[in-house]
């Protein structure tokens, strides 16, 4: 019974954490959860991101992002920096959803809620 309880708790935390791809772009770095740099090439990025049209399409932690209109709607607040060395996460915007993926899985925790 105890193991079942921990298994259910772990599963609910895991599924809850995966929906962290609704993002809000802040005006100031101190308002953000993380700083993001948009790379010129995919090989320079930690994450390839596809921008979806609807919030329900931004499930999981595989690079499908939806930008919300208001900060309270977002799972993560991001601030876009001008230089790669300032960033917590480097992204590359892709043209198709199947191209969205993590290049550097060690940074995957940054997009968990």
C-alpha atoms as a PDB file:
ATOM      1  CA  UNK A   1       0.000   0.000   0.000  1.00  0.00           C
ATOM      2  CA  UNK A   2       2.800   2.413   0.894  1.00  0.00           C
ATOM      3  CA  UNK A   3       4.618   1.716  -2.381  1.00  0.00           C
ATOM      4  CA  UNK A   4       1.395   2.323  -4.308  1.00  0.00           C
ATOM      5  CA  UNK A   5       0.973   5.680  -2.554  1.00  0.00           C
ATOM      6  CA  UNK A   6       4.496   6.807  -3.520  1.00  0.00           C
ATOM      7  CA  UNK A   7       4.002   5.522  -7.047  1.00  0.00           C
ATOM      8  CA  UNK A   8       0.784   7.534  -7.445  1.00  0.00           C
ATOM      9  CA  UNK A   9       2.370  10.654  -5.966  1.00  0.00           C
ATOM     10  CA  UNK A  10       5.382  10.318  -8.260  1.00  0.00           C
ATOM     11  CA  UNK A  11       3.182   9.774 -11.316  1.00  0.00           C
ATOM     12  CA  UNK A  12       1.029  12.814 -10.554  1.00  0.00           C
ATOM     13  CA  UNK A  13       4.117  15.003 -10.062  1.00  0.00           C
ATOM     14  CA  UNK A  14       5.663  13.683 -13.260  1.00  0.00           C
ATOM     15  CA  UNK A  15       2.584  14.313 -15.398  1.00  0.00           C
ATOM     16  CA  UNK A  16       2.045  17.717 -13.805  1.00  0.00           C
ATOM     17  CA  UNK A  17       5.607  18.796 -14.546  1.00  0.00           C
ATOM     18  CA  UNK A  18       5.477  17.867 -18.201  1.00  0.00           C
ATOM     19  CA  UNK A  19       3.089  20.624 -19.238  1.00  0.00           C
ATOM     20  CA  UNK A  20       5.569  23.472 -18.978  1.00  0.00           C
ATOM     21  CA  UNK A  21       5.637  24.736 -22.531  1.00  0.00           C
ATOM     22  CA  UNK A  22       3.238  27.669 -22.195  1.00  0.00           C
ATOM     23  CA  UNK A  23       5.570  30.632 -21.991  1.00  0.00           C
ATOM     24  CA  UNK A  24       5.285  34.358 -21.453  1.00  0.00           C
ATOM     25  CA  UNK A  25       7.908  36.810 -22.646  1.00  0.00           C
ATOM     26  CA  UNK A  26       8.753  39.358 -19.943  1.00  0.00           C
ATOM     27  CA  UNK A  27      10.043  42.872 -20.443  1.00  0.00           C
ATOM     28  CA  UNK A  28      12.716  42.609 -17.743  1.00  0.00           C
ATOM     29  CA  UNK A  29      15.147  39.861 -16.717  1.00  0.00           C
ATOM     30  CA  UNK A  30      14.184  40.018 -13.031  1.00  0.00           C
ATOM     31  CA  UNK A  31      10.578  39.089 -13.935  1.00  0.00           C
ATOM     32  CA  UNK A  32      11.607  35.875 -15.702  1.00  0.00           C
ATOM     33  CA  UNK A  33      12.093  32.295 -14.567  1.00  0.00           C
ATOM     34  CA  UNK A  34      14.879  31.881 -17.101  1.00  0.00           C
ATOM     35  CA  UNK A  35      16.843  33.801 -19.697  1.00  0.00           C
ATOM     36  CA  UNK A  36      16.653  32.566 -23.292  1.00  0.00           C
ATOM     37  CA  UNK A  37      18.856  33.204 -26.307  1.00  0.00           C
ATOM     38  CA  UNK A  38      17.678  32.496 -29.861  1.00  0.00           C
ATOM     39  CA  UNK A  39      20.522  30.848 -31.764  1.00  0.00           C
ATOM     40  CA  UNK A  40      21.159  31.262 -35.477  1.00  0.00           C
ATOM     41  CA  UNK A  41      21.738  27.540 -36.054  1.00  0.00           C
ATOM     42  CA  UNK A  42      20.245  24.342 -34.593  1.00  0.00           C
ATOM     43  CA  UNK A  43      23.628  22.940 -33.524  1.00  0.00           C
ATOM     44  CA  UNK A  44      24.159  25.996 -31.283  1.00  0.00           C
ATOM     45  CA  UNK A  45      20.927  25.420 -29.350  1.00  0.00           C
ATOM     46  CA  UNK A  46      19.978  23.374 -26.313  1.00  0.00           C
ATOM     47  CA  UNK A  47      16.403  23.044 -27.582  1.00  0.00           C
ATOM     48  CA  UNK A  48      14.765  23.234 -30.991  1.00  0.00           C
ATOM     49  CA  UNK A  49      11.398  24.965 -30.543  1.00  0.00           C
ATOM     50  CA  UNK A  50       8.291  24.914 -32.707  1.00  0.00           C
ATOM     51  CA  UNK A  51       5.768  27.674 -32.017  1.00  0.00           C
ATOM     52  CA  UNK A  52       2.232  26.256 -31.903  1.00  0.00           C
ATOM     53  CA  UNK A  53      -0.974  28.184 -32.558  1.00  0.00           C
ATOM     54  CA  UNK A  54      -3.036  26.938 -29.601  1.00  0.00           C
ATOM     55  CA  UNK A  55      -2.294  26.358 -25.904  1.00  0.00           C
ATOM     56  CA  UNK A  56      -3.559  22.758 -25.939  1.00  0.00           C
ATOM     57  CA  UNK A  57      -0.875  21.896 -28.511  1.00  0.00           C
ATOM     58  CA  UNK A  58       1.900  22.834 -26.070  1.00  0.00           C
ATOM     59  CA  UNK A  59       1.808  19.670 -23.990  1.00  0.00           C
ATOM     60  CA  UNK A  60       4.921  17.840 -22.869  1.00  0.00           C
ATOM     61  CA  UNK A  61       8.493  19.034 -22.623  1.00  0.00           C
ATOM     62  CA  UNK A  62       9.662  18.480 -26.175  1.00  0.00           C
ATOM     63  CA  UNK A  63       9.897  22.005 -27.535  1.00  0.00           C
ATOM     64  CA  UNK A  64       6.326  22.805 -28.557  1.00  0.00           C
ATOM     65  CA  UNK A  65       5.866  26.327 -27.211  1.00  0.00           C
ATOM     66  CA  UNK A  66       2.808  28.524 -26.978  1.00  0.00           C
ATOM     67  CA  UNK A  67       3.237  32.176 -26.045  1.00  0.00           C
ATOM     68  CA  UNK A  68       0.524  33.371 -23.680  1.00  0.00           C
ATOM     69  CA  UNK A  69      -0.909  36.865 -23.621  1.00  0.00           C
ATOM     70  CA  UNK A  70      -0.603  37.193 -19.828  1.00  0.00           C
ATOM     71  CA  UNK A  71       2.058  36.040 -17.366  1.00  0.00           C
ATOM     72  CA  UNK A  72      -0.406  34.213 -15.096  1.00  0.00           C
ATOM     73  CA  UNK A  73      -1.399  31.920 -18.000  1.00  0.00           C
ATOM     74  CA  UNK A  74       2.155  30.710 -18.535  1.00  0.00           C
ATOM     75  CA  UNK A  75       4.054  27.801 -17.058  1.00  0.00           C
ATOM     76  CA  UNK A  76       7.357  29.654 -17.529  1.00  0.00           C
ATOM     77  CA  UNK A  77       8.230  33.311 -17.859  1.00  0.00           C
ATOM     78  CA  UNK A  78      11.186  33.931 -20.157  1.00  0.00           C
ATOM     79  CA  UNK A  79      13.349  36.916 -20.932  1.00  0.00           C
ATOM     80  CA  UNK A  80      15.151  37.026 -24.269  1.00  0.00           C
ATOM     81  CA  UNK A  81      18.790  38.074 -24.000  1.00  0.00           C
ATOM     82  CA  UNK A  82      21.052  39.492 -26.687  1.00  0.00           C
ATOM     83  CA  UNK A  83      24.057  37.228 -26.128  1.00  0.00           C
ATOM     84  CA  UNK A  84      24.407  33.453 -25.717  1.00  0.00           C
ATOM     85  CA  UNK A  85      26.614  33.726 -22.615  1.00  0.00           C
ATOM     86  CA  UNK A  86      23.782  35.543 -20.778  1.00  0.00           C
ATOM     87  CA  UNK A  87      21.290  32.717 -21.339  1.00  0.00           C
ATOM     88  CA  UNK A  88      20.158  29.832 -19.191  1.00  0.00           C
ATOM     89  CA  UNK A  89      18.711  28.169 -22.292  1.00  0.00           C
ATOM     90  CA  UNK A  90      19.601  28.527 -25.973  1.00  0.00           C
ATOM     91  CA  UNK A  91      16.820  27.775 -28.448  1.00  0.00           C
ATOM     92  CA  UNK A  92      16.491  27.500 -32.206  1.00  0.00           C
ATOM     93  CA  UNK A  93      13.107  28.078 -33.870  1.00  0.00           C
ATOM     94  CA  UNK A  94      12.179  25.315 -36.326  1.00  0.00           C
ATOM     95  CA  UNK A  95       9.626  25.252 -39.146  1.00  0.00           C
ATOM     96  CA  UNK A  96       7.879  21.954 -38.380  1.00  0.00           C
ATOM     97  CA  UNK A  97       6.645  20.306 -35.153  1.00  0.00           C
ATOM     98  CA  UNK A  98       8.549  17.056 -35.752  1.00  0.00           C
ATOM     99  CA  UNK A  99      11.824  19.039 -35.651  1.00  0.00           C
ATOM    100  CA  UNK A 100      11.224  20.188 -32.059  1.00  0.00           C
ATOM    101  CA  UNK A 101      13.548  18.321 -29.688  1.00  0.00           C
ATOM    102  CA  UNK A 102      16.187  18.633 -27.005  1.00  0.00           C
ATOM    103  CA  UNK A 103      19.775  18.769 -28.232  1.00  0.00           C
ATOM    104  CA  UNK A 104      21.121  19.135 -24.683  1.00  0.00           C
ATOM    105  CA  UNK A 105      18.998  16.979 -22.366  1.00  0.00           C
ATOM    106  CA  UNK A 106      20.932  18.176 -19.312  1.00  0.00           C
ATOM    107  CA  UNK A 107      18.982  21.450 -19.617  1.00  0.00           C
ATOM    108  CA  UNK A 108      15.584  19.724 -19.808  1.00  0.00           C
ATOM    109  CA  UNK A 109      14.892  20.441 -16.136  1.00  0.00           C
ATOM    110  CA  UNK A 110      14.747  24.177 -16.895  1.00  0.00           C
ATOM    111  CA  UNK A 111      11.356  23.815 -18.567  1.00  0.00           C
ATOM    112  CA  UNK A 112       9.750  21.807 -15.764  1.00  0.00           C
ATOM    113  CA  UNK A 113       7.326  23.726 -13.593  1.00  0.00           C
END
